[in-house]
Amino acid sequence: MTNTEQSTRLSGSSGGAPATDARKDDLASKGAEVFREAKANVESMISDAGDYAGKKGKEAMNNVRGVGDTFAVAVERSLKTRPYTTLVLALAAGFLFGATWRR
């Protein structure tokens, strides 16, 4: 084998440079297509996660409002049935809040 044949054999070019370029272009286009699909999947997942978080946030806010309404009704009922006990509990809660606020 001559040096030219050895270098041609090692470099892999046997006069088929257009075929190699076509394979490179095909591989590049397939890679770009896979990348676009992956990007679309990630964007879809992010959108779904945002929708899910939004729904859960709304549910949480509705639950907080429900608890607040229930608490308000309970305090109102307690004021009507036991006004002095409710006053003492409110003063105790205010004192504890004030004591922890200073620290």
PDB file of N, CA and C in Angstrom:
ATOM      1  N   MET A   1       0.844  -1.170   0.000  1.00  0.00           N
ATOM      2  CA  MET A   1       0.000   0.000   0.000  1.00  0.00           C
ATOM      3  C   MET A   1       0.894   1.239   0.000  1.00  0.00           C
ATOM      4  N   THR A   2       0.525   2.208  -0.787  1.00  0.00           N
ATOM      5  CA  THR A   2       1.316   3.421  -0.862  1.00  0.00           C
ATOM      6  C   THR A   2       0.861   4.394   0.207  1.00  0.00           C
ATOM      7  N   ASN A   3       1.633   5.434   0.394  1.00  0.00           N
ATOM      8  CA  ASN A   3       1.290   6.445   1.396  1.00  0.00           C
ATOM      9  C   ASN A   3      -0.037   7.125   1.082  1.00  0.00           C
ATOM     10  N   THR A   4      -0.318   7.363  -0.177  1.00  0.00           N
ATOM     11  CA  THR A   4      -1.561   8.022  -0.573  1.00  0.00           C
ATOM     12  C   THR A   4      -2.753   7.141  -0.242  1.00  0.00           C
ATOM     13  N   GLU A   5      -2.619   5.839  -0.496  1.00  0.00           N
ATOM     14  CA  GLU A   5      -3.710   4.926  -0.196  1.00  0.00           C
ATOM     15  C   GLU A   5      -3.948   4.835   1.315  1.00  0.00           C
ATOM     16  N   GLN A   6      -2.836   4.851   2.084  1.00  0.00           N
ATOM     17  CA  GLN A   6      -2.965   4.771   3.539  1.00  0.00           C
ATOM     18  C   GLN A   6      -3.637   6.022   4.098  1.00  0.00           C
ATOM     19  N   SER A   7      -3.247   7.184   3.620  1.00  0.00           N
ATOM     20  CA  SER A   7      -3.845   8.409   4.132  1.00  0.00           C
ATOM     21  C   SER A   7      -5.307   8.507   3.727  1.00  0.00           C
ATOM     22  N   THR A   8      -5.646   8.037   2.521  1.00  0.00           N
ATOM     23  CA  THR A   8      -7.029   8.047   2.075  1.00  0.00           C
ATOM     24  C   THR A   8      -7.857   7.100   2.938  1.00  0.00           C
ATOM     25  N   ARG A   9      -7.283   5.953   3.226  1.00  0.00           N
ATOM     26  CA  ARG A   9      -7.981   4.961   4.040  1.00  0.00           C
ATOM     27  C   ARG A   9      -8.165   5.456   5.476  1.00  0.00           C
ATOM     28  N   LEU A  10      -7.153   6.103   6.068  1.00  0.00           N
ATOM     29  CA  LEU A  10      -7.245   6.596   7.434  1.00  0.00           C
ATOM     30  C   LEU A  10      -8.201   7.765   7.559  1.00  0.00           C
ATOM     31  N   SER A  11      -8.209   8.653   6.585  1.00  0.00           N
ATOM     32  CA  SER A  11      -9.076   9.823   6.664  1.00  0.00           C
ATOM     33  C   SER A  11     -10.516   9.473   6.327  1.00  0.00           C
ATOM     34  N   GLY A  12     -10.735   8.354   5.683  1.00  0.00           N
ATOM     35  CA  GLY A  12     -12.084   7.920   5.397  1.00  0.00           C
ATOM     36  C   GLY A  12     -12.648   8.514   4.133  1.00  0.00           C
ATOM     37  N   SER A  13     -11.895   9.305   3.415  1.00  0.00           N
ATOM     38  CA  SER A  13     -12.425   9.885   2.188  1.00  0.00           C
ATOM     39  C   SER A  13     -11.932   9.071   1.017  1.00  0.00           C
ATOM     40  N   SER A  14     -12.868   8.547   0.295  1.00  0.00           N
ATOM     41  CA  SER A  14     -12.499   7.772  -0.887  1.00  0.00           C
ATOM     42  C   SER A  14     -13.174   8.387  -2.095  1.00  0.00           C
ATOM     43  N   GLY A  15     -13.222   9.693  -2.083  1.00  0.00           N
ATOM     44  CA  GLY A  15     -13.866  10.386  -3.180  1.00  0.00           C
ATOM     45  C   GLY A  15     -15.356  10.549  -2.933  1.00  0.00           C
ATOM     46  N   GLY A  16     -15.851  10.193  -1.745  1.00  0.00           N
ATOM     47  CA  GLY A  16     -17.271  10.282  -1.454  1.00  0.00           C
ATOM     48  C   GLY A  16     -17.590  11.446  -0.549  1.00  0.00           C
ATOM     49  N   ALA A  17     -16.956  12.569  -0.732  1.00  0.00           N
ATOM     50  CA  ALA A  17     -17.183  13.729   0.110  1.00  0.00           C
ATOM     51  C   ALA A  17     -18.627  14.220   0.051  1.00  0.00           C
ATOM     52  N   PRO A  18     -19.287  14.238  -1.076  1.00  0.00           N
ATOM     53  CA  PRO A  18     -20.692  14.676  -1.096  1.00  0.00           C
ATOM     54  C   PRO A  18     -21.594  13.750  -0.271  1.00  0.00           C
ATOM     55  N   ALA A  19     -21.301  12.451  -0.288  1.00  0.00           N
ATOM     56  CA  ALA A  19     -22.106  11.515   0.495  1.00  0.00           C
ATOM     57  C   ALA A  19     -21.910  11.771   1.990  1.00  0.00           C
ATOM     58  N   THR A  20     -20.697  12.067   2.383  1.00  0.00           N
ATOM     59  CA  THR A  20     -20.415  12.355   3.782  1.00  0.00           C
ATOM     60  C   THR A  20     -21.097  13.652   4.204  1.00  0.00           C
ATOM     61  N   ASP A  21     -21.064  14.662   3.357  1.00  0.00           N
ATOM     62  CA  ASP A  21     -21.742  15.923   3.651  1.00  0.00           C
ATOM     63  C   ASP A  21     -23.254  15.712   3.767  1.00  0.00           C
ATOM     64  N   ALA A  22     -23.804  14.848   2.929  1.00  0.00           N
ATOM     65  CA  ALA A  22     -25.239  14.568   2.975  1.00  0.00           C
ATOM     66  C   ALA A  22     -25.581  13.879   4.288  1.00  0.00           C
ATOM     67  N   ARG A  23     -24.730  12.962   4.744  1.00  0.00           N
ATOM     68  CA  ARG A  23     -24.973  12.287   6.027  1.00  0.00           C
ATOM     69  C   ARG A  23     -24.886  13.274   7.178  1.00  0.00           C
ATOM     70  N   LYS A  24     -23.911  14.185   7.096  1.00  0.00           N
ATOM     71  CA  LYS A  24     -23.783  15.207   8.142  1.00  0.00           C
ATOM     72  C   LYS A  24     -25.027  16.091   8.186  1.00  0.00           C
ATOM     73  N   ASP A  25     -25.492  16.525   6.991  1.00  0.00           N
ATOM     74  CA  ASP A  25     -26.684  17.366   6.929  1.00  0.00           C
ATOM     75  C   ASP A  25     -27.907  16.621   7.453  1.00  0.00           C
ATOM     76  N   ASP A  26     -28.042  15.333   7.097  1.00  0.00           N
ATOM     77  CA  ASP A  26     -29.153  14.524   7.571  1.00  0.00           C
ATOM     78  C   ASP A  26     -29.110  14.378   9.088  1.00  0.00           C
ATOM     79  N   LEU A  27     -27.930  14.118   9.602  1.00  0.00           N
ATOM     80  CA  LEU A  27     -27.764  13.993  11.056  1.00  0.00           C
ATOM     81  C   LEU A  27     -28.066  15.317  11.756  1.00  0.00           C
ATOM     82  N   ALA A  28     -27.624  16.412  11.168  1.00  0.00           N
ATOM     83  CA  ALA A  28     -27.883  17.724  11.759  1.00  0.00           C
ATOM     84  C   ALA A  28     -29.377  18.045  11.743  1.00  0.00           C
ATOM     85  N   SER A  29     -30.048  17.705  10.647  1.00  0.00           N
ATOM     86  CA  SER A  29     -31.486  17.991  10.592  1.00  0.00           C
ATOM     87  C   SER A  29     -32.259  17.115  11.568  1.00  0.00           C
ATOM     88  N   LYS A  30     -31.852  15.850  11.720  1.00  0.00           N
ATOM     89  CA  LYS A  30     -32.500  14.983  12.698  1.00  0.00           C
ATOM     90  C   LYS A  30     -32.255  15.490  14.116  1.00  0.00           C
ATOM     91  N   GLY A  31     -31.046  15.945  14.390  1.00  0.00           N
ATOM     92  CA  GLY A  31     -30.727  16.501  15.711  1.00  0.00           C
ATOM     93  C   GLY A  31     -31.548  17.748  16.000  1.00  0.00           C
ATOM     94  N   ALA A  32     -31.694  18.600  14.985  1.00  0.00           N
ATOM     95  CA  ALA A  32     -32.491  19.819  15.161  1.00  0.00           C
ATOM     96  C   ALA A  32     -33.956  19.475  15.398  1.00  0.00           C
ATOM     97  N   GLU A  33     -34.445  18.449  14.690  1.00  0.00           N
ATOM     98  CA  GLU A  33     -35.840  18.036  14.869  1.00  0.00           C
ATOM     99  C   GLU A  33     -36.065  17.479  16.282  1.00  0.00           C
ATOM    100  N   VAL A  34     -35.145  16.669  16.751  1.00  0.00           N
ATOM    101  CA  VAL A  34     -35.259  16.122  18.110  1.00  0.00           C
ATOM    102  C   VAL A  34     -35.197  17.246  19.132  1.00  0.00           C
ATOM    103  N   PHE A  35     -34.334  18.218  18.907  1.00  0.00           N
ATOM    104  CA  PHE A  35     -34.225  19.364  19.820  1.00  0.00           C
ATOM    105  C   PHE A  35     -35.529  20.153  19.853  1.00  0.00           C
ATOM    106  N   ARG A  36     -36.145  20.381  18.683  1.00  0.00           N
ATOM    107  CA  ARG A  36     -37.410  21.108  18.639  1.00  0.00           C
ATOM    108  C   ARG A  36     -38.513  20.355  19.388  1.00  0.00           C
ATOM    109  N   GLU A  37     -38.542  19.041  19.214  1.00  0.00           N
ATOM    110  CA  GLU A  37     -39.544  18.237  19.920  1.00  0.00           C
ATOM    111  C   GLU A  37     -39.332  18.301  21.434  1.00  0.00           C
ATOM    112  N   ALA A  38     -38.075  18.198  21.860  1.00  0.00           N
ATOM    113  CA  ALA A  38     -37.773  18.267  23.294  1.00  0.00           C
ATOM    114  C   ALA A  38     -38.139  19.633  23.851  1.00  0.00           C
ATOM    115  N   LYS A  39     -37.849  20.675  23.094  1.00  0.00           N
ATOM    116  CA  LYS A  39     -38.184  22.029  23.532  1.00  0.00           C
ATOM    117  C   LYS A  39     -39.692  22.194  23.662  1.00  0.00           C
ATOM    118  N   ALA A  40     -40.438  21.668  22.697  1.00  0.00           N
ATOM    119  CA  ALA A  40     -41.898  21.752  22.749  1.00  0.00           C
ATOM    120  C   ALA A  40     -42.434  20.984  23.952  1.00  0.00           C
ATOM    121  N   ASN A  41     -41.852  19.821  24.236  1.00  0.00           N
ATOM    122  CA  ASN A  41     -42.282  19.037  25.394  1.00  0.00           C
ATOM    123  C   ASN A  41     -42.016  19.781  26.696  1.00  0.00           C
ATOM    124  N   VAL A  42     -40.859  20.401  26.818  1.00  0.00           N
ATOM    125  CA  VAL A  42     -40.519  21.152  28.024  1.00  0.00           C
ATOM    126  C   VAL A  42     -41.449  22.347  28.189  1.00  0.00           C
ATOM    127  N   GLU A  43     -41.709  23.054  27.101  1.00  0.00           N
ATOM    128  CA  GLU A  43     -42.617  24.205  27.174  1.00  0.00           C
ATOM    129  C   GLU A  43     -44.016  23.766  27.585  1.00  0.00           C
ATOM    130  N   SER A  44     -44.458  22.626  27.069  1.00  0.00           N
ATOM    131  CA  SER A  44     -45.772  22.095  27.432  1.00  0.00           C
ATOM    132  C   SER A  44     -45.822  21.735  28.911  1.00  0.00           C
ATOM    133  N   MET A  45     -44.760  21.117  29.405  1.00  0.00           N
ATOM    134  CA  MET A  45     -44.710  20.740  30.817  1.00  0.00           C
ATOM    135  C   MET A  45     -44.708  21.972  31.713  1.00  0.00           C
ATOM    136  N   ILE A  46     -43.989  23.000  31.323  1.00  0.00           N
ATOM    137  CA  ILE A  46     -43.948  24.235  32.107  1.00  0.00           C
ATOM    138  C   ILE A  46     -45.324  24.891  32.127  1.00  0.00           C
ATOM    139  N   SER A  47     -45.980  24.904  30.980  1.00  0.00           N
ATOM    140  CA  SER A  47     -47.323  25.483  30.902  1.00  0.00           C
ATOM    141  C   SER A  47     -48.299  24.707  31.777  1.00  0.00           C
ATOM    142  N   ASP A  48     -48.220  23.373  31.719  1.00  0.00           N
ATOM    143  CA  ASP A  48     -49.098  22.541  32.547  1.00  0.00           C
ATOM    144  C   ASP A  48     -48.830  22.772  34.025  1.00  0.00           C
ATOM    145  N   ALA A  49     -47.555  22.901  34.387  1.00  0.00           N
ATOM    146  CA  ALA A  49     -47.211  23.134  35.798  1.00  0.00           C
ATOM    147  C   ALA A  49     -47.748  24.485  36.263  1.00  0.00           C
ATOM    148  N   GLY A  50     -47.661  25.498  35.405  1.00  0.00           N
ATOM    149  CA  GLY A  50     -48.202  26.808  35.756  1.00  0.00           C
ATOM    150  C   GLY A  50     -49.705  26.775  35.934  1.00  0.00           C
ATOM    151  N   ASP A  51     -50.385  26.051  35.056  1.00  0.00           N
ATOM    152  CA  ASP A  51     -51.844  25.921  35.186  1.00  0.00           C
ATOM    153  C   ASP A  51     -52.201  25.207  36.481  1.00  0.00           C
ATOM    154  N   TYR A  52     -51.468  24.134  36.770  1.00  0.00           N
ATOM    155  CA  TYR A  52     -51.725  23.362  37.986  1.00  0.00           C
ATOM    156  C   TYR A  52     -51.493  24.218  39.232  1.00  0.00           C
ATOM    157  N   ALA A  53     -50.389  24.970  39.228  1.00  0.00           N
ATOM    158  CA  ALA A  53     -50.086  25.834  40.376  1.00  0.00           C
ATOM    159  C   ALA A  53     -51.154  26.917  40.527  1.00  0.00           C
ATOM    160  N   GLY A  54     -51.619  27.456  39.422  1.00  0.00           N
ATOM    161  CA  GLY A  54     -52.669  28.467  39.482  1.00  0.00           C
ATOM    162  C   GLY A  54     -53.963  27.922  40.070  1.00  0.00           C
ATOM    163  N   LYS A  55     -54.319  26.704  39.648  1.00  0.00           N
ATOM    164  CA  LYS A  55     -55.531  26.078  40.185  1.00  0.00           C
ATOM    165  C   LYS A  55     -55.388  25.811  41.674  1.00  0.00           C
ATOM    166  N   LYS A  56     -54.233  25.303  42.078  1.00  0.00           N
ATOM    167  CA  LYS A  56     -54.009  25.003  43.496  1.00  0.00           C
ATOM    168  C   LYS A  56     -53.977  26.286  44.320  1.00  0.00           C
ATOM    169  N   GLY A  57     -53.418  27.353  43.766  1.00  0.00           N
ATOM    170  CA  GLY A  57     -53.410  28.638  44.462  1.00  0.00           C
ATOM    171  C   GLY A  57     -54.818  29.169  44.684  1.00  0.00           C
ATOM    172  N   LYS A  58     -55.659  29.036  43.660  1.00  0.00           N
ATOM    173  CA  LYS A  58     -57.049  29.482  43.794  1.00  0.00           C
ATOM    174  C   LYS A  58     -57.787  28.647  44.835  1.00  0.00           C
ATOM    175  N   GLU A  59     -57.530  27.323  44.815  1.00  0.00           N
ATOM    176  CA  GLU A  59     -58.159  26.459  45.811  1.00  0.00           C
ATOM    177  C   GLU A  59     -57.734  26.857  47.219  1.00  0.00           C
ATOM    178  N   ALA A  60     -56.436  27.142  47.381  1.00  0.00           N
ATOM    179  CA  ALA A  60     -55.933  27.535  48.697  1.00  0.00           C
ATOM    180  C   ALA A  60     -56.573  28.841  49.157  1.00  0.00           C
ATOM    181  N   MET A  61     -56.690  29.812  48.250  1.00  0.00           N
ATOM    182  CA  MET A  61     -57.311  31.080  48.620  1.00  0.00           C
ATOM    183  C   MET A  61     -58.779  30.888  49.001  1.00  0.00           C
ATOM    184  N   ASN A  62     -59.474  30.035  48.264  1.00  0.00           N
ATOM    185  CA  ASN A  62     -60.876  29.763  48.605  1.00  0.00           C
ATOM    186  C   ASN A  62     -60.981  29.091  49.971  1.00  0.00           C
ATOM    187  N   ASN A  63     -60.052  28.178  50.264  1.00  0.00           N
ATOM    188  CA  ASN A  63     -60.059  27.521  51.570  1.00  0.00           C
ATOM    189  C   ASN A  63     -59.772  28.511  52.695  1.00  0.00           C
ATOM    190  N   VAL A  64     -58.833  29.427  52.467  1.00  0.00           N
ATOM    191  CA  VAL A  64     -58.520  30.441  53.484  1.00  0.00           C
ATOM    192  C   VAL A  64     -59.734  31.335  53.718  1.00  0.00           C
ATOM    193  N   ARG A  65     -60.401  31.726  52.642  1.00  0.00           N
ATOM    194  CA  ARG A  65     -61.607  32.549  52.795  1.00  0.00           C
ATOM    195  C   ARG A  65     -62.682  31.802  53.569  1.00  0.00           C
ATOM    196  N   GLY A  66     -62.819  30.505  53.265  1.00  0.00           N
ATOM    197  CA  GLY A  66     -63.799  29.689  53.973  1.00  0.00           C
ATOM    198  C   GLY A  66     -63.492  29.595  55.455  1.00  0.00           C
ATOM    199  N   VAL A  67     -62.219  29.410  55.792  1.00  0.00           N
ATOM    200  CA  VAL A  67     -61.821  29.340  57.200  1.00  0.00           C
ATOM    201  C   VAL A  67     -62.056  30.686  57.875  1.00  0.00           C
ATOM    202  N   GLY A  68     -61.726  31.762  57.181  1.00  0.00           N
ATOM    203  CA  GLY A  68     -61.950  33.096  57.741  1.00  0.00           C
ATOM    204  C   GLY A  68     -63.427  33.349  58.013  1.00  0.00           C
ATOM    205  N   ASP A  69     -64.263  32.951  57.076  1.00  0.00           N
ATOM    206  CA  ASP A  69     -65.712  33.123  57.267  1.00  0.00           C
ATOM    207  C   ASP A  69     -66.199  32.278  58.443  1.00  0.00           C
ATOM    208  N   THR A  70     -65.718  31.041  58.511  1.00  0.00           N
ATOM    209  CA  THR A  70     -66.116  30.156  59.606  1.00  0.00           C
ATOM    210  C   THR A  70     -65.651  30.714  60.953  1.00  0.00           C
ATOM    211  N   PHE A  71     -64.424  31.235  60.972  1.00  0.00           N
ATOM    212  CA  PHE A  71     -63.889  31.811  62.201  1.00  0.00           C
ATOM    213  C   PHE A  71     -64.708  33.031  62.628  1.00  0.00           C
ATOM    214  N   ALA A  72     -65.065  33.860  61.657  1.00  0.00           N
ATOM    215  CA  ALA A  72     -65.858  35.052  61.969  1.00  0.00           C
ATOM    216  C   ALA A  72     -67.221  34.668  62.536  1.00  0.00           C
ATOM    217  N   VAL A  73     -67.826  33.652  61.963  1.00  0.00           N
ATOM    218  CA  VAL A  73     -69.120  33.188  62.465  1.00  0.00           C
ATOM    219  C   VAL A  73     -68.964  32.639  63.882  1.00  0.00           C
ATOM    220  N   ALA A  74     -67.893  31.898  64.134  1.00  0.00           N
ATOM    221  CA  ALA A  74     -67.663  31.318  65.465  1.00  0.00           C
ATOM    222  C   ALA A  74     -67.445  32.419  66.507  1.00  0.00           C
ATOM    223  N   VAL A  75     -66.695  33.455  66.151  1.00  0.00           N
ATOM    224  CA  VAL A  75     -66.451  34.564  67.087  1.00  0.00           C
ATOM    225  C   VAL A  75     -67.756  35.304  67.364  1.00  0.00           C
ATOM    226  N   GLU A  76     -68.531  35.523  66.316  1.00  0.00           N
ATOM    227  CA  GLU A  76     -69.805  36.223  66.492  1.00  0.00           C
ATOM    228  C   GLU A  76     -70.743  35.420  67.400  1.00  0.00           C
ATOM    229  N   ARG A  77     -70.807  34.134  67.185  1.00  0.00           N
ATOM    230  CA  ARG A  77     -71.653  33.284  68.018  1.00  0.00           C
ATOM    231  C   ARG A  77     -71.151  33.276  69.465  1.00  0.00           C
ATOM    232  N   SER A  78     -69.820  33.256  69.629  1.00  0.00           N
ATOM    233  CA  SER A  78     -69.234  33.268  70.970  1.00  0.00           C
ATOM    234  C   SER A  78     -69.518  34.592  71.670  1.00  0.00           C
ATOM    235  N   LEU A  79     -69.487  35.688  70.940  1.00  0.00           N
ATOM    236  CA  LEU A  79     -69.796  36.994  71.528  1.00  0.00           C
ATOM    237  C   LEU A  79     -71.225  37.048  72.048  1.00  0.00           C
ATOM    238  N   LYS A  80     -72.133  36.429  71.339  1.00  0.00           N
ATOM    239  CA  LYS A  80     -73.534  36.456  71.751  1.00  0.00           C
ATOM    240  C   LYS A  80     -73.783  35.564  72.965  1.00  0.00           C
ATOM    241  N   THR A  81     -73.110  34.400  72.994  1.00  0.00           N
ATOM    242  CA  THR A  81     -73.386  33.460  74.088  1.00  0.00           C
ATOM    243  C   THR A  81     -72.517  33.704  75.314  1.00  0.00           C
ATOM    244  N   ARG A  82     -71.228  34.033  75.130  1.00  0.00           N
ATOM    245  CA  ARG A  82     -70.305  34.244  76.252  1.00  0.00           C
ATOM    246  C   ARG A  82     -69.442  35.481  75.995  1.00  0.00           C
ATOM    247  N   PRO A  83     -69.974  36.671  76.201  1.00  0.00           N
ATOM    248  CA  PRO A  83     -69.229  37.886  75.852  1.00  0.00           C
ATOM    249  C   PRO A  83     -67.971  38.094  76.705  1.00  0.00           C
ATOM    250  N   TYR A  84     -68.032  37.817  78.004  1.00  0.00           N
ATOM    251  CA  TYR A  84     -66.860  38.056  78.861  1.00  0.00           C
ATOM    252  C   TYR A  84     -65.746  37.063  78.580  1.00  0.00           C
ATOM    253  N   THR A  85     -66.082  35.823  78.331  1.00  0.00           N
ATOM    254  CA  THR A  85     -65.066  34.813  77.997  1.00  0.00           C
ATOM    255  C   THR A  85     -64.382  35.178  76.681  1.00  0.00           C
ATOM    256  N   THR A  86     -65.143  35.632  75.713  1.00  0.00           N
ATOM    257  CA  THR A  86     -64.588  36.033  74.429  1.00  0.00           C
ATOM    258  C   THR A  86     -63.665  37.236  74.596  1.00  0.00           C
ATOM    259  N   LEU A  87     -64.048  38.186  75.449  1.00  0.00           N
ATOM    260  CA  LEU A  87     -63.216  39.354  75.708  1.00  0.00           C
ATOM    261  C   LEU A  87     -61.899  38.948  76.348  1.00  0.00           C
ATOM    262  N   VAL A  88     -61.935  38.052  77.334  1.00  0.00           N
ATOM    263  CA  VAL A  88     -60.715  37.590  77.999  1.00  0.00           C
ATOM    264  C   VAL A  88     -59.812  36.863  77.002  1.00  0.00           C
ATOM    265  N   LEU A  89     -60.379  36.027  76.142  1.00  0.00           N
ATOM    266  CA  LEU A  89     -59.577  35.317  75.129  1.00  0.00           C
ATOM    267  C   LEU A  89     -58.934  36.293  74.142  1.00  0.00           C
ATOM    268  N   ALA A  90     -59.679  37.335  73.773  1.00  0.00           N
ATOM    269  CA  ALA A  90     -59.127  38.334  72.858  1.00  0.00           C
ATOM    270  C   ALA A  90     -57.984  39.104  73.511  1.00  0.00           C
ATOM    271  N   LEU A  91     -58.145  39.451  74.793  1.00  0.00           N
ATOM    272  CA  LEU A  91     -57.069  40.152  75.509  1.00  0.00           C
ATOM    273  C   LEU A  91     -55.841  39.260  75.645  1.00  0.00           C
ATOM    274  N   ALA A  92     -56.038  37.986  75.949  1.00  0.00           N
ATOM    275  CA  ALA A  92     -54.913  37.056  76.088  1.00  0.00           C
ATOM    276  C   ALA A  92     -54.186  36.893  74.753  1.00  0.00           C
ATOM    277  N   ALA A  93     -54.938  36.762  73.664  1.00  0.00           N
ATOM    278  CA  ALA A  93     -54.317  36.635  72.344  1.00  0.00           C
ATOM    279  C   ALA A  93     -53.540  37.901  71.992  1.00  0.00           C
ATOM    280  N   GLY A  94     -54.092  39.062  72.298  1.00  0.00           N
ATOM    281  CA  GLY A  94     -53.388  40.326  72.044  1.00  0.00           C
ATOM    282  C   GLY A  94     -52.123  40.448  72.867  1.00  0.00           C
ATOM    283  N   PHE A  95     -52.184  40.019  74.122  1.00  0.00           N
ATOM    284  CA  PHE A  95     -50.997  40.069  74.977  1.00  0.00           C
ATOM    285  C   PHE A  95     -49.902  39.157  74.434  1.00  0.00           C
ATOM    286  N   LEU A  96     -50.270  37.926  74.060  1.00  0.00           N
ATOM    287  CA  LEU A  96     -49.280  36.983  73.521  1.00  0.00           C
ATOM    288  C   LEU A  96     -48.687  37.496  72.212  1.00  0.00           C
ATOM    289  N   PHE A  97     -49.506  38.066  71.379  1.00  0.00           N
ATOM    290  CA  PHE A  97     -49.019  38.624  70.120  1.00  0.00           C
ATOM    291  C   PHE A  97     -48.050  39.774  70.389  1.00  0.00           C
ATOM    292  N   GLY A  98     -48.413  40.650  71.314  1.00  0.00           N
ATOM    293  CA  GLY A  98     -47.545  41.788  71.656  1.00  0.00           C
ATOM    294  C   GLY A  98     -46.233  41.332  72.275  1.00  0.00           C
ATOM    295  N   ALA A  99     -46.295  40.298  73.118  1.00  0.00           N
ATOM    296  CA  ALA A  99     -45.069  39.811  73.768  1.00  0.00           C
ATOM    297  C   ALA A  99     -44.127  39.185  72.740  1.00  0.00           C
ATOM    298  N   THR A 100     -44.658  38.465  71.793  1.00  0.00           N
ATOM    299  CA  THR A 100     -43.792  37.852  70.784  1.00  0.00           C
ATOM    300  C   THR A 100     -43.315  38.882  69.770  1.00  0.00           C
ATOM    301  N   TRP A 101     -44.071  39.935  69.551  1.00  0.00           N
ATOM    302  CA  TRP A 101     -43.687  40.969  68.589  1.00  0.00           C
ATOM    303  C   TRP A 101     -42.458  41.735  69.058  1.00  0.00           C
ATOM    304  N   ARG A 102     -42.313  41.938  70.371  1.00  0.00           N
ATOM    305  CA  ARG A 102     -41.172  42.664  70.918  1.00  0.00           C
ATOM    306  C   ARG A 102     -39.867  41.929  70.712  1.00  0.00           C
ATOM    307  N   ARG A 103     -39.908  40.629  70.772  1.00  0.00           N
ATOM    308  CA  ARG A 103     -38.682  39.821  70.654  1.00  0.00           C
ATOM    309  C   ARG A 103     -38.281  39.732  69.274  1.00  0.00           C
TER     310      ARG A 103
END
